[in-house]
PDB file of N, CA and C in Angstrom:
ATOM      1  N   GLU A   1      -9.742  18.363  95.761  1.00  0.00           N
ATOM      2  CA  GLU A   1     -10.149  19.518  96.647  1.00  0.00           C
ATOM      3  C   GLU A   1      -8.704  20.088  97.100  1.00  0.00           C
ATOM      4  N   ILE A   2      -8.726  21.489  97.028  1.00  0.00           N
ATOM      5  CA  ILE A   2      -7.536  22.076  97.413  1.00  0.00           C
ATOM      6  C   ILE A   2      -7.710  22.980  98.639  1.00  0.00           C
ATOM      7  N   ARG A   3      -6.950  22.771  99.565  1.00  0.00           N
ATOM      8  CA  ARG A   3      -7.197  23.538 100.810  1.00  0.00           C
ATOM      9  C   ARG A   3      -5.768  24.304 101.330  1.00  0.00           C
ATOM     10  N   ALA A   4      -6.036  25.140 101.930  1.00  0.00           N
ATOM     11  CA  ALA A   4      -4.589  25.916 102.565  1.00  0.00           C
ATOM     12  C   ALA A   4      -3.866  25.094 103.191  1.00  0.00           C
ATOM     13  N   LYS A   5      -2.559  25.408 103.390  1.00  0.00           N
ATOM     14  CA  LYS A   5      -1.647  24.535 104.116  1.00  0.00           C
ATOM     15  C   LYS A   5      -2.140  24.359 105.487  1.00  0.00           C
ATOM     16  N   ASN A   6      -2.545  25.388 106.162  1.00  0.00           N
ATOM     17  CA  ASN A   6      -3.312  25.272 107.563  1.00  0.00           C
ATOM     18  C   ASN A   6      -4.563  25.143 107.964  1.00  0.00           C
ATOM     19  N   ALA A   7      -5.211  24.499 106.882  1.00  0.00           N
ATOM     20  CA  ALA A   7      -6.598  24.191 106.887  1.00  0.00           C
ATOM     21  C   ALA A   7      -6.969  23.111 107.977  1.00  0.00           C
ATOM     22  N   VAL A   8      -8.033  23.295 108.663  1.00  0.00           N
ATOM     23  CA  VAL A   8      -8.423  22.477 109.726  1.00  0.00           C
ATOM     24  C   VAL A   8      -8.554  21.161 109.226  1.00  0.00           C
ATOM     25  N   HIS A   9      -8.156  20.093 109.714  1.00  0.00           N
ATOM     26  CA  HIS A   9      -8.321  18.742 109.194  1.00  0.00           C
ATOM     27  C   HIS A   9      -9.588  18.235 109.779  1.00  0.00           C
ATOM     28  N   VAL A  10     -10.546  17.909 108.973  1.00  0.00           N
ATOM     29  CA  VAL A  10     -11.757  17.203 109.596  1.00  0.00           C
ATOM     30  C   VAL A  10     -11.717  15.551 109.224  1.00  0.00           C
ATOM     31  N   PRO A  11     -11.690  14.966 110.541  1.00  0.00           N
ATOM     32  CA  PRO A  11     -11.216  13.415 110.390  1.00  0.00           C
ATOM     33  C   PRO A  11     -12.514  12.772 109.490  1.00  0.00           C
ATOM     34  N   GLU A  12     -11.966  11.995 108.623  1.00  0.00           N
ATOM     35  CA  GLU A  12     -12.810  11.147 107.846  1.00  0.00           C
ATOM     36  C   GLU A  12     -13.183   9.873 108.598  1.00  0.00           C
ATOM     37  N   VAL A  13     -12.567   9.461 109.694  1.00  0.00           N
ATOM     38  CA  VAL A  13     -12.798   8.351 110.092  1.00  0.00           C
ATOM     39  C   VAL A  13     -14.023   8.236 111.040  1.00  0.00           C
ATOM     40  N   LEU A  14     -14.605   9.513 111.504  1.00  0.00           N
ATOM     41  CA  LEU A  14     -15.990   9.664 112.006  1.00  0.00           C
ATOM     42  C   LEU A  14     -17.052   9.326 110.913  1.00  0.00           C
ATOM     43  N   CYS A  15     -18.025   8.485 111.435  1.00  0.00           N
ATOM     44  CA  CYS A  15     -19.250   8.322 110.463  1.00  0.00           C
ATOM     45  C   CYS A  15     -19.939   9.622 110.545  1.00  0.00           C
ATOM     46  N   THR A  16     -20.862   9.683 109.720  1.00  0.00           N
ATOM     47  CA  THR A  16     -21.917  11.003 109.482  1.00  0.00           C
ATOM     48  C   THR A  16     -22.661  10.881 111.047  1.00  0.00           C
ATOM     49  N   GLN A  17     -23.062   9.755 111.331  1.00  0.00           N
ATOM     50  CA  GLN A  17     -23.959   9.770 112.570  1.00  0.00           C
ATOM     51  C   GLN A  17     -23.439  10.467 113.672  1.00  0.00           C
ATOM     52  N   ARG A  18     -21.965  10.022 113.754  1.00  0.00           N
ATOM     53  CA  ARG A  18     -21.461  10.463 115.029  1.00  0.00           C
ATOM     54  C   ARG A  18     -20.869  11.957 114.774  1.00  0.00           C
ATOM     55  N   LYS A  19     -20.691  12.305 113.751  1.00  0.00           N
ATOM     56  CA  LYS A  19     -20.516  13.822 113.475  1.00  0.00           C
ATOM     57  C   LYS A  19     -21.814  14.534 113.844  1.00  0.00           C
ATOM     58  N   GLN A  20     -22.950  13.906 113.481  1.00  0.00           N
ATOM     59  CA  GLN A  20     -24.283  14.519 113.664  1.00  0.00           C
ATOM     60  C   GLN A  20     -24.530  14.736 115.340  1.00  0.00           C
ATOM     61  N   GLU A  21     -24.122  13.564 116.069  1.00  0.00           N
ATOM     62  CA  GLU A  21     -24.301  13.300 117.375  1.00  0.00           C
ATOM     63  C   GLU A  21     -23.752  14.667 117.950  1.00  0.00           C
ATOM     64  N   LEU A  22     -22.335  14.577 117.742  1.00  0.00           N
ATOM     65  CA  LEU A  22     -21.483  15.687 118.308  1.00  0.00           C
ATOM     66  C   LEU A  22     -21.775  17.037 117.960  1.00  0.00           C
ATOM     67  N   THR A  23     -22.160  17.402 116.890  1.00  0.00           N
ATOM     68  CA  THR A  23     -22.944  18.719 116.186  1.00  0.00           C
ATOM     69  C   THR A  23     -24.226  18.867 117.215  1.00  0.00           C
ATOM     70  N   ASP A  24     -25.110  18.087 117.236  1.00  0.00           N
ATOM     71  CA  ASP A  24     -26.287  18.204 118.117  1.00  0.00           C
ATOM     72  C   ASP A  24     -26.060  18.617 119.561  1.00  0.00           C
ATOM     73  N   GLN A  25     -25.067  17.868 120.006  1.00  0.00           N
ATOM     74  CA  GLN A  25     -24.687  18.079 121.526  1.00  0.00           C
ATOM     75  C   GLN A  25     -24.342  19.399 121.722  1.00  0.00           C
ATOM     76  N   VAL A  26     -23.611  20.030 121.016  1.00  0.00           N
ATOM     77  CA  VAL A  26     -22.901  21.372 121.077  1.00  0.00           C
ATOM     78  C   VAL A  26     -24.066  22.246 120.723  1.00  0.00           C
ATOM     79  N   SER A  27     -25.030  22.288 119.796  1.00  0.00           N
ATOM     80  CA  SER A  27     -25.895  22.914 119.319  1.00  0.00           C
ATOM     81  C   SER A  27     -27.225  23.016 120.572  1.00  0.00           C
ATOM     82  N   GLU A  28     -27.408  21.755 120.981  1.00  0.00           N
ATOM     83  CA  GLU A  28     -28.409  21.856 122.025  1.00  0.00           C
ATOM     84  C   GLU A  28     -27.793  22.378 123.465  1.00  0.00           C
ATOM     85  N   TRP A  29     -26.692  22.515 123.643  1.00  0.00           N
ATOM     86  CA  TRP A  29     -25.911  23.232 124.823  1.00  0.00           C
ATOM     87  C   TRP A  29     -25.875  24.476 124.727  1.00  0.00           C
ATOM     88  N   TYR A  30     -25.350  25.228 123.479  1.00  0.00           N
ATOM     89  CA  TYR A  30     -25.276  26.624 123.271  1.00  0.00           C
ATOM     90  C   TYR A  30     -26.324  27.417 123.656  1.00  0.00           C
ATOM     91  N   ALA A  31     -26.112  28.407 124.351  1.00  0.00           N
ATOM     92  CA  ALA A  31     -26.705  29.538 124.712  1.00  0.00           C
ATOM     93  C   ALA A  31     -25.777  30.647 125.328  1.00  0.00           C
ATOM     94  N   PRO A  32     -26.031  31.893 125.152  1.00  0.00           N
ATOM     95  CA  PRO A  32     -25.082  32.954 125.812  1.00  0.00           C
ATOM     96  C   PRO A  32     -25.357  32.756 127.345  1.00  0.00           C
ATOM     97  N   GLY A  33     -24.087  32.650 128.000  1.00  0.00           N
ATOM     98  CA  GLY A  33     -24.141  32.533 129.547  1.00  0.00           C
ATOM     99  C   GLY A  33     -24.058  31.135 129.929  1.00  0.00           C
ATOM    100  N   ALA A  34     -23.996  30.360 129.006  1.00  0.00           N
ATOM    101  CA  ALA A  34     -24.148  28.771 129.370  1.00  0.00           C
ATOM    102  C   ALA A  34     -22.918  28.380 130.199  1.00  0.00           C
ATOM    103  N   GLN A  35     -23.000  27.394 131.027  1.00  0.00           N
ATOM    104  CA  GLN A  35     -21.756  26.934 131.699  1.00  0.00           C
ATOM    105  C   GLN A  35     -20.960  26.036 130.753  1.00  0.00           C
ATOM    106  N   PRO A  36     -19.684  26.040 130.891  1.00  0.00           N
ATOM    107  CA  PRO A  36     -18.784  25.395 129.901  1.00  0.00           C
ATOM    108  C   PRO A  36     -19.387  23.759 129.799  1.00  0.00           C
ATOM    109  N   LEU A  37     -19.229  23.445 128.594  1.00  0.00           N
ATOM    110  CA  LEU A  37     -19.624  22.034 128.150  1.00  0.00           C
ATOM    111  C   LEU A  37     -18.679  21.112 128.237  1.00  0.00           C
ATOM    112  N   HIS A  38     -18.247  20.273 129.148  1.00  0.00           N
ATOM    113  CA  HIS A  38     -17.331  19.222 129.302  1.00  0.00           C
ATOM    114  C   HIS A  38     -17.769  17.973 128.609  1.00  0.00           C
ATOM    115  N   PHE A  39     -16.990  17.593 127.705  1.00  0.00           N
ATOM    116  CA  PHE A  39     -17.246  16.285 126.985  1.00  0.00           C
ATOM    117  C   PHE A  39     -16.583  15.399 127.579  1.00  0.00           C
ATOM    118  N   GLU A  40     -17.033  13.841 127.471  1.00  0.00           N
ATOM    119  CA  GLU A  40     -16.386  12.948 128.225  1.00  0.00           C
ATOM    120  C   GLU A  40     -15.089  12.768 127.815  1.00  0.00           C
ATOM    121  N   ALA A  41     -14.365  12.043 128.778  1.00  0.00           N
ATOM    122  CA  ALA A  41     -12.914  11.865 128.191  1.00  0.00           C
ATOM    123  C   ALA A  41     -12.732  10.542 127.359  1.00  0.00           C
ATOM    124  N   SER A  42     -13.778   9.792 127.374  1.00  0.00           N
ATOM    125  CA  SER A  42     -13.830   8.746 126.398  1.00  0.00           C
ATOM    126  C   SER A  42     -13.958   9.115 124.856  1.00  0.00           C
ATOM    127  N   LEU A  43     -14.229  10.388 124.435  1.00  0.00           N
ATOM    128  CA  LEU A  43     -14.014  10.774 123.068  1.00  0.00           C
ATOM    129  C   LEU A  43     -12.608  10.415 122.621  1.00  0.00           C
ATOM    130  N   THR A  44     -12.441   9.966 121.320  1.00  0.00           N
ATOM    131  CA  THR A  44     -11.417   9.639 120.711  1.00  0.00           C
ATOM    132  C   THR A  44     -10.617  10.926 120.218  1.00  0.00           C
ATOM    133  N   SER A  45      -9.349  10.957 119.697  1.00  0.00           N
ATOM    134  CA  SER A  45      -8.579  12.251 119.294  1.00  0.00           C
ATOM    135  C   SER A  45      -9.352  12.586 118.013  1.00  0.00           C
ATOM    136  N   ASP A  46      -9.969  11.767 117.255  1.00  0.00           N
ATOM    137  CA  ASP A  46     -10.483  12.294 116.009  1.00  0.00           C
ATOM    138  C   ASP A  46     -11.802  13.072 116.479  1.00  0.00           C
ATOM    139  N   GLU A  47     -12.617  12.558 117.449  1.00  0.00           N
ATOM    140  CA  GLU A  47     -13.769  13.230 117.876  1.00  0.00           C
ATOM    141  C   GLU A  47     -13.399  14.582 118.633  1.00  0.00           C
ATOM    142  N   ARG A  48     -12.391  14.597 119.433  1.00  0.00           N
ATOM    143  CA  ARG A  48     -12.117  16.001 119.960  1.00  0.00           C
ATOM    144  C   ARG A  48     -11.685  16.867 119.064  1.00  0.00           C
ATOM    145  N   LYS A  49     -10.897  16.483 117.800  1.00  0.00           N
ATOM    146  CA  LYS A  49     -10.659  17.433 116.553  1.00  0.00           C
ATOM    147  C   LYS A  49     -11.897  17.924 115.946  1.00  0.00           C
ATOM    148  N   PHE A  50     -12.787  16.916 115.866  1.00  0.00           N
ATOM    149  CA  PHE A  50     -14.014  17.478 115.332  1.00  0.00           C
ATOM    150  C   PHE A  50     -14.657  18.613 116.028  1.00  0.00           C
ATOM    151  N   VAL A  51     -14.878  18.342 117.363  1.00  0.00           N
ATOM    152  CA  VAL A  51     -15.503  19.160 118.188  1.00  0.00           C
ATOM    153  C   VAL A  51     -14.730  20.476 118.065  1.00  0.00           C
ATOM    154  N   HIS A  52     -13.467  20.544 118.030  1.00  0.00           N
ATOM    155  CA  HIS A  52     -12.694  21.718 118.156  1.00  0.00           C
ATOM    156  C   HIS A  52     -12.950  22.510 116.653  1.00  0.00           C
ATOM    157  N   ALA A  53     -13.111  21.596 115.420  1.00  0.00           N
ATOM    158  CA  ALA A  53     -13.494  22.236 114.302  1.00  0.00           C
ATOM    159  C   ALA A  53     -14.743  22.914 114.274  1.00  0.00           C
ATOM    160  N   LEU A  54     -15.799  22.196 115.102  1.00  0.00           N
ATOM    161  CA  LEU A  54     -16.951  22.840 115.064  1.00  0.00           C
ATOM    162  C   LEU A  54     -17.034  24.229 115.679  1.00  0.00           C
ATOM    163  N   CYS A  55     -16.136  24.275 116.956  1.00  0.00           N
ATOM    164  CA  CYS A  55     -16.045  25.626 117.697  1.00  0.00           C
ATOM    165  C   CYS A  55     -15.206  26.664 116.804  1.00  0.00           C
ATOM    166  N   GLU A  56     -14.423  26.410 116.214  1.00  0.00           N
ATOM    167  CA  GLU A  56     -13.539  27.079 115.358  1.00  0.00           C
ATOM    168  C   GLU A  56     -14.415  27.577 114.416  1.00  0.00           C
ATOM    169  N   ALA A  57     -15.424  27.104 113.738  1.00  0.00           N
ATOM    170  CA  ALA A  57     -16.051  27.609 112.679  1.00  0.00           C
ATOM    171  C   ALA A  57     -17.053  28.431 113.242  1.00  0.00           C
ATOM    172  N   ARG A  58     -17.345  28.383 114.600  1.00  0.00           N
ATOM    173  CA  ARG A  58     -18.317  29.303 115.109  1.00  0.00           C
ATOM    174  C   ARG A  58     -17.526  30.246 116.293  1.00  0.00           C
ATOM    175  N   GLY A  59     -16.296  30.499 115.973  1.00  0.00           N
ATOM    176  CA  GLY A  59     -15.410  31.200 116.774  1.00  0.00           C
ATOM    177  C   GLY A  59     -16.015  32.468 117.227  1.00  0.00           C
ATOM    178  N   ASP A  60     -16.925  33.013 116.641  1.00  0.00           N
ATOM    179  CA  ASP A  60     -17.451  34.533 116.947  1.00  0.00           C
ATOM    180  C   ASP A  60     -18.375  34.330 118.352  1.00  0.00           C
ATOM    181  N   VAL A  61     -18.806  32.943 118.519  1.00  0.00           N
ATOM    182  CA  VAL A  61     -19.575  32.906 119.791  1.00  0.00           C
ATOM    183  C   VAL A  61     -19.274  31.772 120.680  1.00  0.00           C
ATOM    184  N   MET A  62     -18.357  31.056 120.316  1.00  0.00           N
ATOM    185  CA  MET A  62     -17.890  30.027 121.005  1.00  0.00           C
ATOM    186  C   MET A  62     -16.419  29.588 120.837  1.00  0.00           C
ATOM    187  N   SER A  63     -15.899  28.942 121.810  1.00  0.00           N
ATOM    188  CA  SER A  63     -14.426  28.445 121.797  1.00  0.00           C
ATOM    189  C   SER A  63     -14.260  27.092 122.458  1.00  0.00           C
ATOM    190  N   SER A  64     -13.074  26.226 122.158  1.00  0.00           N
ATOM    191  CA  SER A  64     -12.910  25.165 122.763  1.00  0.00           C
ATOM    192  C   SER A  64     -11.516  24.826 123.231  1.00  0.00           C
ATOM    193  N   LYS A  65     -11.184  23.945 124.118  1.00  0.00           N
ATOM    194  CA  LYS A  65     -10.020  23.882 124.720  1.00  0.00           C
ATOM    195  C   LYS A  65      -9.876  22.489 125.241  1.00  0.00           C
ATOM    196  N   SER A  66      -8.778  21.702 125.081  1.00  0.00           N
ATOM    197  CA  SER A  66      -8.575  20.358 125.504  1.00  0.00           C
ATOM    198  C   SER A  66      -8.104  20.551 126.928  1.00  0.00           C
ATOM    199  N   GLU A  67      -8.340  19.738 127.821  1.00  0.00           N
ATOM    200  CA  GLU A  67      -7.885  19.526 129.187  1.00  0.00           C
ATOM    201  C   GLU A  67      -7.621  18.375 129.682  1.00  0.00           C
ATOM    202  N   GLY A  68      -6.679  18.212 130.485  1.00  0.00           N
ATOM    203  CA  GLY A  68      -6.320  16.801 131.141  1.00  0.00           C
ATOM    204  C   GLY A  68      -5.154  16.000 130.399  1.00  0.00           C
ATOM    205  N   LYS A  69      -4.771  15.092 130.820  1.00  0.00           N
ATOM    206  CA  LYS A  69      -3.804  14.101 130.279  1.00  0.00           C
ATOM    207  C   LYS A  69      -4.175  12.672 130.056  1.00  0.00           C
ATOM    208  N   GLY A  70      -3.739  12.185 129.012  1.00  0.00           N
ATOM    209  CA  GLY A  70      -3.747  10.539 128.958  1.00  0.00           C
ATOM    210  C   GLY A  70      -5.324  10.382 128.866  1.00  0.00           C
ATOM    211  N   ALA A  71      -5.769   9.358 129.662  1.00  0.00           N
ATOM    212  CA  ALA A  71      -7.228   8.696 129.766  1.00  0.00           C
ATOM    213  C   ALA A  71      -8.050  10.050 130.376  1.00  0.00           C
ATOM    214  N   ASP A  72      -7.529  11.037 130.990  1.00  0.00           N
ATOM    215  CA  ASP A  72      -8.438  12.176 131.344  1.00  0.00           C
ATOM    216  C   ASP A  72      -8.531  13.203 130.454  1.00  0.00           C
ATOM    217  N   ARG A  73      -7.966  12.997 129.046  1.00  0.00           N
ATOM    218  CA  ARG A  73      -8.005  14.124 128.146  1.00  0.00           C
ATOM    219  C   ARG A  73      -9.494  14.419 127.673  1.00  0.00           C
ATOM    220  N   HIS A  74      -9.908  15.546 127.786  1.00  0.00           N
ATOM    221  CA  HIS A  74     -11.390  15.734 127.211  1.00  0.00           C
ATOM    222  C   HIS A  74     -11.502  17.363 126.734  1.00  0.00           C
ATOM    223  N   VAL A  75     -12.496  17.445 125.966  1.00  0.00           N
ATOM    224  CA  VAL A  75     -12.711  18.825 125.227  1.00  0.00           C
ATOM    225  C   VAL A  75     -13.754  19.599 126.253  1.00  0.00           C
ATOM    226  N   VAL A  76     -13.447  20.829 126.418  1.00  0.00           N
ATOM    227  CA  VAL A  76     -14.344  21.874 127.140  1.00  0.00           C
ATOM    228  C   VAL A  76     -14.644  22.872 126.035  1.00  0.00           C
ATOM    229  N   VAL A  77     -16.021  23.068 125.900  1.00  0.00           N
ATOM    230  CA  VAL A  77     -16.543  24.126 125.040  1.00  0.00           C
ATOM    231  C   VAL A  77     -17.076  25.494 125.914  1.00  0.00           C
ATOM    232  N   TYR A  78     -16.709  26.417 125.355  1.00  0.00           N
ATOM    233  CA  TYR A  78     -17.133  27.838 126.083  1.00  0.00           C
ATOM    234  C   TYR A  78     -18.099  28.573 125.262  1.00  0.00           C
ATOM    235  N   ASP A  79     -18.862  29.334 126.000  1.00  0.00           N
ATOM    236  CA  ASP A  79     -20.054  29.958 125.121  1.00  0.00           C
ATOM    237  C   ASP A  79     -19.448  31.443 124.720  1.00  0.00           C
ATOM    238  N   LYS A  80     -18.210  31.559 124.571  1.00  0.00           N
ATOM    239  CA  LYS A  80     -17.761  32.806 124.157  1.00  0.00           C
ATOM    240  C   LYS A  80     -16.350  32.426 123.478  1.00  0.00           C
ATOM    241  N   PRO A  81     -15.945  33.472 122.467  1.00  0.00           N
ATOM    242  CA  PRO A  81     -14.606  33.327 122.094  1.00  0.00           C
ATOM    243  C   PRO A  81     -13.465  33.498 122.825  1.00  0.00           C
ATOM    244  N   VAL A  82     -12.206  32.984 122.470  1.00  0.00           N
ATOM    245  CA  VAL A  82     -11.286  33.112 123.394  1.00  0.00           C
ATOM    246  C   VAL A  82     -10.678  34.412 123.127  1.00  0.00           C
ATOM    247  N   GLU A  83     -10.509  35.413 124.251  1.00  0.00           N
ATOM    248  CA  GLU A  83     -10.290  36.756 124.167  1.00  0.00           C
ATOM    249  C   GLU A  83      -8.857  37.158 124.047  1.00  0.00           C
ATOM    250  N   GLU A  84      -8.000  36.456 124.343  1.00  0.00           N
ATOM    251  CA  GLU A  84      -6.662  36.698 124.045  1.00  0.00           C
ATOM    252  C   GLU A  84      -5.635  35.468 124.090  1.00  0.00           C
ATOM    253  N   GLY A  85      -4.472  35.664 123.589  1.00  0.00           N
ATOM    254  CA  GLY A  85      -3.558  34.464 123.645  1.00  0.00           C
ATOM    255  C   GLY A  85      -3.312  33.794 122.386  1.00  0.00           C
ATOM    256  N   VAL A  86      -2.711  32.891 122.286  1.00  0.00           N
ATOM    257  CA  VAL A  86      -2.158  32.184 121.164  1.00  0.00           C
ATOM    258  C   VAL A  86      -3.250  31.391 120.518  1.00  0.00           C
ATOM    259  N   VAL A  87      -4.312  30.771 121.299  1.00  0.00           N
ATOM    260  CA  VAL A  87      -5.460  30.120 121.005  1.00  0.00           C
ATOM    261  C   VAL A  87      -6.328  31.104 120.018  1.00  0.00           C
ATOM    262  N   ARG A  88      -6.577  32.312 120.263  1.00  0.00           N
ATOM    263  CA  ARG A  88      -7.390  33.193 119.642  1.00  0.00           C
ATOM    264  C   ARG A  88      -6.812  33.415 118.185  1.00  0.00           C
ATOM    265  N   GLY A  89      -5.545  33.555 118.138  1.00  0.00           N
ATOM    266  CA  GLY A  89      -4.851  33.796 116.935  1.00  0.00           C
ATOM    267  C   GLY A  89      -4.875  32.506 115.917  1.00  0.00           C
ATOM    268  N   VAL A  90      -4.795  31.361 116.606  1.00  0.00           N
ATOM    269  CA  VAL A  90      -4.983  30.182 115.923  1.00  0.00           C
ATOM    270  C   VAL A  90      -6.280  29.929 115.207  1.00  0.00           C
ATOM    271  N   ALA A  91      -7.243  30.342 116.184  1.00  0.00           N
ATOM    272  CA  ALA A  91      -8.492  30.170 115.910  1.00  0.00           C
ATOM    273  C   ALA A  91      -9.130  31.311 114.695  1.00  0.00           C
ATOM    274  N   GLU A  92      -8.746  32.315 114.771  1.00  0.00           N
ATOM    275  CA  GLU A  92      -8.979  33.219 113.657  1.00  0.00           C
ATOM    276  C   GLU A  92      -8.395  33.066 112.418  1.00  0.00           C
ATOM    277  N   ALA A  93      -7.116  32.388 112.449  1.00  0.00           N
ATOM    278  CA  ALA A  93      -6.597  31.937 111.162  1.00  0.00           C
ATOM    279  C   ALA A  93      -7.338  30.939 110.665  1.00  0.00           C
ATOM    280  N   ARG A  94      -7.587  29.720 111.365  1.00  0.00           N
ATOM    281  CA  ARG A  94      -8.300  28.604 110.832  1.00  0.00           C
ATOM    282  C   ARG A  94      -9.707  28.964 110.472  1.00  0.00           C
ATOM    283  N   ARG A  95     -10.474  29.827 111.103  1.00  0.00           N
ATOM    284  CA  ARG A  95     -11.887  30.116 110.767  1.00  0.00           C
ATOM    285  C   ARG A  95     -11.904  30.465 109.350  1.00  0.00           C
ATOM    286  N   GLY A  96     -10.934  31.386 108.609  1.00  0.00           N
ATOM    287  CA  GLY A  96     -11.102  31.810 107.387  1.00  0.00           C
ATOM    288  C   GLY A  96     -10.640  30.666 106.326  1.00  0.00           C
ATOM    289  N   ILE A  97     -10.238  29.391 106.860  1.00  0.00           N
ATOM    290  CA  ILE A  97      -9.830  28.421 105.878  1.00  0.00           C
ATOM    291  C   ILE A  97     -10.571  26.963 106.055  1.00  0.00           C
ATOM    292  N   LEU A  98     -11.632  27.019 106.932  1.00  0.00           N
ATOM    293  CA  LEU A  98     -12.281  25.661 107.213  1.00  0.00           C
ATOM    294  C   LEU A  98     -12.794  25.245 105.756  1.00  0.00           C
ATOM    295  N   SER A  99     -12.765  23.888 105.895  1.00  0.00           N
ATOM    296  CA  SER A  99     -13.222  23.163 104.597  1.00  0.00           C
ATOM    297  C   SER A  99     -14.704  23.405 104.445  1.00  0.00           C
ATOM    298  N   LYS A 100     -15.273  23.210 103.127  1.00  0.00           N
ATOM    299  CA  LYS A 100     -16.496  23.320 102.844  1.00  0.00           C
ATOM    300  C   LYS A 100     -17.391  22.567 103.755  1.00  0.00           C
ATOM    301  N   ARG A 101     -16.832  21.284 104.036  1.00  0.00           N
ATOM    302  CA  ARG A 101     -17.537  20.144 104.704  1.00  0.00           C
ATOM    303  C   ARG A 101     -17.967  20.612 106.115  1.00  0.00           C
ATOM    304  N   VAL A 102     -17.137  21.133 106.795  1.00  0.00           N
ATOM    305  CA  VAL A 102     -17.390  21.828 108.208  1.00  0.00           C
ATOM    306  C   VAL A 102     -18.464  22.799 108.108  1.00  0.00           C
ATOM    307  N   ASP A 103     -18.245  23.750 107.212  1.00  0.00           N
ATOM    308  CA  ASP A 103     -19.249  24.629 106.813  1.00  0.00           C
ATOM    309  C   ASP A 103     -20.657  24.054 106.692  1.00  0.00           C
ATOM    310  N   ASP A 104     -20.795  23.212 105.856  1.00  0.00           N
ATOM    311  CA  ASP A 104     -21.967  22.406 105.695  1.00  0.00           C
ATOM    312  C   ASP A 104     -22.575  21.862 107.015  1.00  0.00           C
ATOM    313  N   TRP A 105     -21.767  21.123 107.632  1.00  0.00           N
ATOM    314  CA  TRP A 105     -22.274  20.524 109.035  1.00  0.00           C
ATOM    315  C   TRP A 105     -22.775  21.562 109.960  1.00  0.00           C
ATOM    316  N   MET A 106     -21.989  22.694 110.000  1.00  0.00           N
ATOM    317  CA  MET A 106     -22.433  23.957 111.005  1.00  0.00           C
ATOM    318  C   MET A 106     -23.623  24.594 110.569  1.00  0.00           C
ATOM    319  N   ALA A 107     -23.797  24.536 109.194  1.00  0.00           N
ATOM    320  CA  ALA A 107     -25.156  25.198 108.678  1.00  0.00           C
ATOM    321  C   ALA A 107     -26.443  24.139 109.039  1.00  0.00           C
ATOM    322  N   ALA A 108     -25.932  22.930 109.023  1.00  0.00           N
ATOM    323  CA  ALA A 108     -27.113  22.052 109.175  1.00  0.00           C
ATOM    324  C   ALA A 108     -27.365  21.911 110.672  1.00  0.00           C
ATOM    325  N   GLY A 109     -26.333  22.115 111.578  1.00  0.00           N
ATOM    326  CA  GLY A 109     -26.448  21.689 113.083  1.00  0.00           C
ATOM    327  C   GLY A 109     -26.324  22.757 113.998  1.00  0.00           C
ATOM    328  N   VAL A 110     -25.435  23.615 113.945  1.00  0.00           N
ATOM    329  CA  VAL A 110     -25.212  24.656 114.798  1.00  0.00           C
ATOM    330  C   VAL A 110     -25.595  25.926 114.186  1.00  0.00           C
ATOM    331  N   GLN A 111     -26.642  26.829 114.595  1.00  0.00           N
ATOM    332  CA  GLN A 111     -26.985  27.950 113.995  1.00  0.00           C
ATOM    333  C   GLN A 111     -27.023  29.073 114.988  1.00  0.00           C
TER     334      GLN A 111
END
């Protein structure tokens, strides 16, 4: 598999079932005008990375951000793209080079 240097890394340590659970949670939450979705702080760093990858793949309609420090670190998902700043530029760059695997999960879970 050949990927661009800055391609989003999709953690392989997460089992398919956990990836589907996270995808379903985002999919069930999403609706224009929805309040931000705050994931529990108990997510592992790999689970947080996966949620960010899901949101980046759908960057035209949602965005995500990690908040908090240490044991309080958690992901917040928003129902709209980030409008300004560095996060927007990173998301736009990554959106074009996501691995096929993330695209497949998005097609299956977040429509």
